[in-house]
Amino acid sequence: MLTRFAPSPTGELHLGHAYSAVLAHTAARAADGRFRIRIDDIDGSRSREEYVAAALADLDWLGLALDGPPVRQSAHLGEYAAALADLRARGLVYPCFCTRADIAQSLAAPHGPSGAVYPGTCRSLPAAERERRLVDAAHCWRLDMERATALAGGLYWDEQGRGERLADPQAHGDVVLARKDAPASYHLASTLDDAAMGVTHVIRGADLIASTDVHRLLQALLGLPTPIYLHHALVCGPDGKRLAKRDAAASLAALRAEGADGHALAADLAAGRLPTGYSLQMP
């Protein structure tokens, strides 16, 4: 077994991150497996090196030993570009020139698991117009969901403890796989990275369960293995809302500064026990 914890270095880790990391570490150790960390640092406008160091310090404080050095997404841009080029050569992606405002204002945009579904405005642009606009117009690359799902056929994944689950990538519409400010979307980068790292079990929050629909499709299109998934409940604060990086009081750095015992906290989290006022909830 190989599990991973994959934080984005855009803020301090909080109790929710700790819970996810502890579950992944505990599962690996129980199976005599390995636990790795991946730094999802391709958001160039928000990623900060100080948060990488802080995340590593937090894991050490919790007593979660790493089996290998951190993997950084920023070191794998070539692999993302190659996968995108492959999909493009097969006619499975297309350039989209719509802005977020264009999509938000479109009355034709239905809603799916992740919000507004792209209405396909640029999907049928003539090839000549696409090539002309690609020269100097801002654009992203979208997956042609209809063509992709027709090629892949029916898809499933194994949700640990809950059995086989049918993937429904079509509900997400033509998702973005890359844009100028992000050389690979979360969907593309995470799918490729998990395969490259040899991750066998993906343990992450239940807020990402819908994303697995798209990841399963990309695995099929790119010939990648499918790990076993476990989507766990989310840590919520005293207000009943899911924790976010802006919740400074729940940050691991704040708990450490207050004198909390990191190893004891990790043991409690592994047993499903949270500090007073916090709870586990499924979205």
Protein backbone atom coordinates (compact mmCIF):
# COMPACT_ATOMS: atom_id res chain seq x y z
CA MET A 1 0.00 0.00 0.00
CA LEU A 2 1.14 3.55 -0.74
CA THR A 3 -0.88 6.51 0.50
CA ARG A 4 -0.21 10.21 0.16
CA PHE A 5 -1.07 13.58 1.65
CA ALA A 6 -1.20 16.39 -0.91
CA PRO A 7 -1.53 19.91 0.54
CA SER A 8 -1.42 23.10 -1.49
CA PRO A 9 1.09 25.57 0.02
CA THR A 10 -1.34 28.47 0.11
CA GLY A 11 -1.82 28.76 3.87
CA GLU A 12 -1.29 27.02 7.19
CA LEU A 13 -2.57 23.49 7.71
CA HIS A 14 -5.50 23.05 10.08
CA LEU A 15 -7.22 20.22 11.94
CA GLY A 16 -8.96 19.06 8.78
CA HIS A 17 -5.64 18.59 7.02
CA ALA A 18 -4.26 16.81 10.06
CA TYR A 19 -7.20 14.39 10.11
CA SER A 20 -6.71 13.49 6.45
CA ALA A 21 -2.93 13.08 6.83
CA VAL A 22 -3.34 10.95 9.96
CA LEU A 23 -5.84 8.63 8.26
CA ALA A 24 -3.53 8.16 5.28
CA HIS A 25 -0.49 7.58 7.50
CA THR A 26 -2.36 5.16 9.78
CA ALA A 27 -3.66 3.13 6.84
CA ALA A 28 -0.18 2.82 5.36
CA ARG A 29 1.41 1.77 8.63
CA ALA A 30 -1.35 -0.78 9.33
CA ALA A 31 -0.61 -2.44 5.99
CA ASP A 32 3.19 -2.18 6.35
CA GLY A 33 3.05 0.26 3.45
CA ARG A 34 4.44 3.68 2.63
CA PHE A 35 3.25 7.24 3.25
CA ARG A 36 4.38 10.13 1.02
CA ILE A 37 3.70 13.84 0.79
CA ARG A 38 3.10 15.71 -2.45
CA ILE A 39 3.22 19.49 -2.59
CA ASP A 40 0.55 20.73 -5.00
CA ASP A 41 2.43 23.93 -5.84
CA ILE A 42 1.49 24.83 -9.41
CA ASP A 43 -0.74 27.72 -8.39
CA GLY A 44 1.99 30.25 -9.03
CA SER A 45 0.02 33.24 -7.77
CA ARG A 46 -0.79 31.76 -4.34
CA SER A 47 1.83 29.11 -3.51
CA ARG A 48 4.41 30.16 -0.93
CA GLU A 49 7.60 28.33 0.03
CA GLU A 50 7.13 29.18 3.70
CA TYR A 51 3.96 27.11 3.72
CA VAL A 52 5.86 24.10 2.38
CA ALA A 53 8.27 24.30 5.32
CA ALA A 54 5.34 24.83 7.69
CA ALA A 55 3.51 21.74 6.37
CA LEU A 56 6.58 19.55 6.84
CA ALA A 57 7.01 20.91 10.37
CA ASP A 58 3.36 20.15 11.12
CA LEU A 59 3.68 16.53 9.96
CA ASP A 60 6.81 16.11 12.06
CA TRP A 61 5.00 17.57 15.10
CA LEU A 62 2.18 15.07 14.57
CA GLY A 63 4.73 12.25 14.41
CA LEU A 64 3.89 11.27 10.83
CA ALA A 65 7.06 9.87 9.28
CA LEU A 66 7.52 10.23 5.52
CA ASP A 67 8.77 7.40 3.33
CA GLY A 68 10.69 9.47 0.82
CA PRO A 69 11.26 13.13 0.01
CA PRO A 70 8.39 15.45 -0.88
CA VAL A 71 7.14 15.29 -4.46
CA ARG A 72 6.49 18.69 -6.01
CA GLN A 73 4.00 19.20 -8.80
CA SER A 74 6.09 22.09 -10.12
CA ALA A 75 8.78 19.58 -11.09
CA HIS A 76 6.41 17.69 -13.38
CA LEU A 77 5.08 20.33 -15.76
CA GLY A 78 6.53 18.42 -18.71
CA GLU A 79 4.45 15.35 -17.90
CA TYR A 80 1.28 17.45 -17.71
CA ALA A 81 2.07 19.09 -21.05
CA ALA A 82 2.71 15.69 -22.66
CA ALA A 83 -0.61 14.29 -21.43
CA LEU A 84 -2.46 17.36 -22.67
CA ALA A 85 -0.74 17.10 -26.05
CA ASP A 86 -1.78 13.44 -26.29
CA LEU A 87 -5.41 14.29 -25.58
CA ARG A 88 -5.26 17.16 -28.05
CA ALA A 89 -3.81 14.94 -30.79
CA ARG A 90 -6.70 12.54 -30.26
CA GLY A 91 -9.28 15.31 -30.59
CA LEU A 92 -10.40 14.99 -26.96
CA VAL A 93 -9.68 18.56 -25.86
CA TYR A 94 -10.40 21.91 -27.43
CA PRO A 95 -9.44 25.54 -26.77
CA CYS A 96 -12.03 27.68 -24.99
CA PHE A 97 -11.93 31.48 -25.20
CA CYS A 98 -14.81 32.20 -22.82
CA THR A 99 -14.14 34.15 -19.64
CA ARG A 100 -15.59 33.16 -16.27
CA ALA A 101 -17.93 36.12 -16.61
CA ASP A 102 -19.11 34.86 -20.00
CA ILE A 103 -19.99 31.49 -18.48
CA ALA A 104 -21.63 32.97 -15.38
CA GLN A 105 -23.86 35.14 -17.54
CA SER A 106 -24.87 32.32 -19.85
CA LEU A 107 -28.46 31.26 -19.33
CA ALA A 108 -27.56 27.96 -20.95
CA ALA A 109 -25.14 26.96 -18.19
CA PRO A 110 -26.72 24.25 -15.99
CA HIS A 111 -25.30 23.28 -12.61
CA GLY A 112 -23.40 20.10 -11.82
CA PRO A 113 -21.50 18.65 -8.85
CA SER A 114 -18.87 21.42 -9.00
CA GLY A 115 -21.06 24.39 -9.89
CA ALA A 116 -21.96 25.84 -13.28
CA VAL A 117 -21.41 23.40 -16.15
CA TYR A 118 -19.79 24.90 -19.23
CA PRO A 119 -22.45 25.24 -21.96
CA GLY A 120 -20.07 24.23 -24.78
CA THR A 121 -19.88 27.61 -26.49
CA CYS A 122 -16.43 27.01 -28.03
CA ARG A 123 -16.78 23.29 -28.65
CA SER A 124 -18.01 23.67 -32.21
CA LEU A 125 -15.89 26.61 -33.36
CA PRO A 126 -14.55 26.10 -36.90
CA ALA A 127 -10.94 24.87 -36.99
CA ALA A 128 -9.77 27.97 -38.85
CA GLU A 129 -11.24 30.29 -36.22
CA ARG A 130 -9.69 28.27 -33.43
CA GLU A 131 -6.23 28.50 -34.99
CA ARG A 132 -6.60 32.22 -35.62
CA ARG A 133 -7.67 32.97 -32.06
CA LEU A 134 -5.04 30.71 -30.52
CA VAL A 135 -2.34 33.10 -31.72
CA ASP A 136 -3.12 35.93 -29.33
CA ALA A 137 -6.38 35.28 -27.46
CA ALA A 138 -6.46 34.10 -23.83
CA HIS A 139 -7.76 30.56 -23.66
CA CYS A 140 -7.94 27.38 -21.63
CA TRP A 141 -8.14 23.74 -22.74
CA ARG A 142 -11.35 21.83 -22.06
CA LEU A 143 -12.08 18.13 -22.22
CA ASP A 144 -14.73 17.26 -24.80
CA MET A 145 -16.77 15.26 -22.35
CA GLU A 146 -19.16 13.73 -24.86
CA ARG A 147 -16.34 12.35 -27.02
CA ALA A 148 -14.27 11.29 -24.03
CA THR A 149 -17.04 9.36 -22.30
CA ALA A 150 -18.09 7.71 -25.55
CA LEU A 151 -14.54 6.47 -25.96
CA ALA A 152 -14.10 5.34 -22.35
CA GLY A 153 -17.46 3.64 -21.85
CA GLY A 154 -18.88 2.84 -18.41
CA LEU A 155 -16.48 3.50 -15.54
CA TYR A 156 -16.38 2.50 -11.88
CA TRP A 157 -14.10 2.84 -8.89
CA ASP A 158 -13.78 0.98 -5.59
CA GLU A 159 -14.81 3.13 -2.61
CA GLN A 160 -13.21 1.37 0.35
CA GLY A 161 -15.79 -0.12 2.66
CA ARG A 162 -18.66 0.86 0.37
CA GLY A 163 -18.02 -1.23 -2.72
CA GLU A 164 -18.07 -0.33 -6.37
CA ARG A 165 -19.26 3.12 -7.36
CA LEU A 166 -20.40 4.23 -10.82
CA ALA A 167 -18.52 7.26 -12.15
CA ASP A 168 -20.59 10.05 -13.72
CA PRO A 169 -18.10 12.36 -15.43
CA GLN A 170 -20.72 13.73 -17.82
CA ALA A 171 -22.36 15.56 -14.92
CA HIS A 172 -19.31 17.84 -14.81
CA GLY A 173 -19.49 18.97 -18.43
CA ASP A 174 -16.41 19.98 -20.42
CA VAL A 175 -14.01 20.49 -17.51
CA VAL A 176 -10.89 22.65 -17.80
CA LEU A 177 -7.63 20.68 -17.95
CA ALA A 178 -5.20 23.59 -18.33
CA ARG A 179 -5.10 27.36 -18.59
CA LYS A 180 -2.45 30.06 -18.87
CA ASP A 181 -2.15 30.60 -15.11
CA ALA A 182 -2.39 26.86 -14.31
CA PRO A 183 -0.43 24.48 -16.59
CA ALA A 184 -2.63 21.64 -15.35
CA SER A 185 -5.93 21.61 -13.51
CA TYR A 186 -6.36 19.78 -10.23
CA HIS A 187 -8.07 16.99 -12.17
CA LEU A 188 -5.23 16.41 -14.61
CA ALA A 189 -2.28 17.00 -12.26
CA SER A 190 -3.62 14.90 -9.38
CA THR A 191 -4.54 11.99 -11.66
CA LEU A 192 -1.13 11.93 -13.31
CA ASP A 193 0.75 12.41 -10.04
CA ASP A 194 -1.04 9.62 -8.20
CA ALA A 195 -0.17 7.24 -11.03
CA ALA A 196 3.46 8.39 -11.23
CA MET A 197 3.91 8.06 -7.46
CA GLY A 198 2.41 4.58 -7.44
CA VAL A 199 -0.37 5.58 -5.05
CA THR A 200 -2.58 2.55 -4.38
CA HIS A 201 -5.04 4.16 -1.94
CA VAL A 202 -6.27 7.76 -2.22
CA ILE A 203 -7.57 8.93 1.16
CA ARG A 204 -9.10 12.40 1.03
CA GLY A 205 -12.07 14.49 2.11
CA ALA A 206 -15.59 13.70 0.97
CA ASP A 207 -15.80 17.15 -0.63
CA LEU A 208 -13.65 15.66 -3.42
CA ILE A 209 -15.74 12.57 -4.09
CA ALA A 210 -17.37 14.16 -7.15
CA SER A 211 -13.92 14.92 -8.59
CA THR A 212 -13.28 11.19 -8.70
CA ASP A 213 -15.77 10.97 -11.58
CA VAL A 214 -13.40 13.03 -13.72
CA HIS A 215 -10.23 11.38 -12.39
CA ARG A 216 -11.60 7.96 -13.27
CA LEU A 217 -12.26 9.14 -16.83
CA LEU A 218 -8.77 10.57 -17.21
CA GLN A 219 -7.29 7.31 -15.95
CA ALA A 220 -9.17 5.44 -18.65
CA LEU A 221 -8.19 7.90 -21.41
CA LEU A 222 -4.51 7.97 -20.43
CA GLY A 223 -4.10 4.28 -19.61
CA LEU A 224 -3.40 4.85 -15.91
CA PRO A 225 -4.15 2.51 -12.99
CA THR A 226 -7.10 3.19 -10.72
CA PRO A 227 -6.35 3.32 -7.00
CA ILE A 228 -8.80 2.42 -4.26
CA TYR A 229 -10.50 5.52 -2.83
CA LEU A 230 -11.63 6.44 0.65
CA HIS A 231 -13.47 9.75 1.03
CA HIS A 232 -13.72 10.64 4.70
CA ALA A 233 -15.91 12.99 6.72
CA LEU A 234 -14.82 16.63 7.04
CA VAL A 235 -13.72 18.39 10.20
CA CYS A 236 -16.09 21.22 11.08
CA GLY A 237 -15.61 24.03 13.57
CA PRO A 238 -17.82 25.14 16.47
CA ASP A 239 -20.02 26.97 13.96
CA GLY A 240 -20.71 23.71 12.13
CA LYS A 241 -18.91 24.88 8.98
CA ARG A 242 -16.09 23.05 7.27
CA LEU A 243 -12.67 24.34 8.29
CA ALA A 244 -10.78 26.57 5.88
CA LYS A 245 -7.25 27.93 5.90
CA ARG A 246 -8.59 31.27 7.11
CA ASP A 247 -9.64 29.60 10.39
CA ALA A 248 -6.51 30.62 12.27
CA ALA A 249 -7.65 29.21 15.62
CA ALA A 250 -7.75 25.70 14.15
CA SER A 251 -4.34 25.91 12.50
CA LEU A 252 -1.80 23.34 13.62
CA ALA A 253 0.69 26.14 14.21
CA ALA A 254 -1.72 27.77 16.66
CA LEU A 255 -2.34 24.49 18.49
CA ARG A 256 1.39 23.90 18.73
CA ALA A 257 1.92 27.42 20.07
CA GLU A 258 -0.68 26.70 22.76
CA GLY A 259 1.37 23.73 23.91
CA ALA A 260 -0.71 20.93 22.42
CA ASP A 261 0.95 17.51 22.13
CA GLY A 262 1.11 16.68 18.42
CA HIS A 263 1.59 12.93 18.88
CA ALA A 264 -1.37 12.77 21.26
CA LEU A 265 -3.49 14.78 18.83
CA ALA A 266 -2.59 12.38 16.01
CA ALA A 267 -3.58 9.40 18.16
CA ASP A 268 -6.91 11.04 18.95
CA LEU A 269 -7.58 11.86 15.30
CA ALA A 270 -6.77 8.30 14.27
CA ALA A 271 -9.45 7.15 16.72
CA GLY A 272 -11.96 9.73 15.48
CA ARG A 273 -11.65 11.95 18.55
CA LEU A 274 -11.50 15.69 17.93
CA PRO A 275 -10.77 18.62 20.25
CA THR A 276 -13.79 20.04 22.08
CA GLY A 277 -16.07 22.02 19.80
CA TYR A 278 -15.05 20.29 16.56
CA SER A 279 -16.99 17.56 14.76
CA LEU A 280 -16.87 15.24 11.77
CA GLN A 281 -19.56 15.69 9.14
CA MET A 282 -20.23 14.34 5.69
CA PRO A 283 -21.06 17.06 3.13
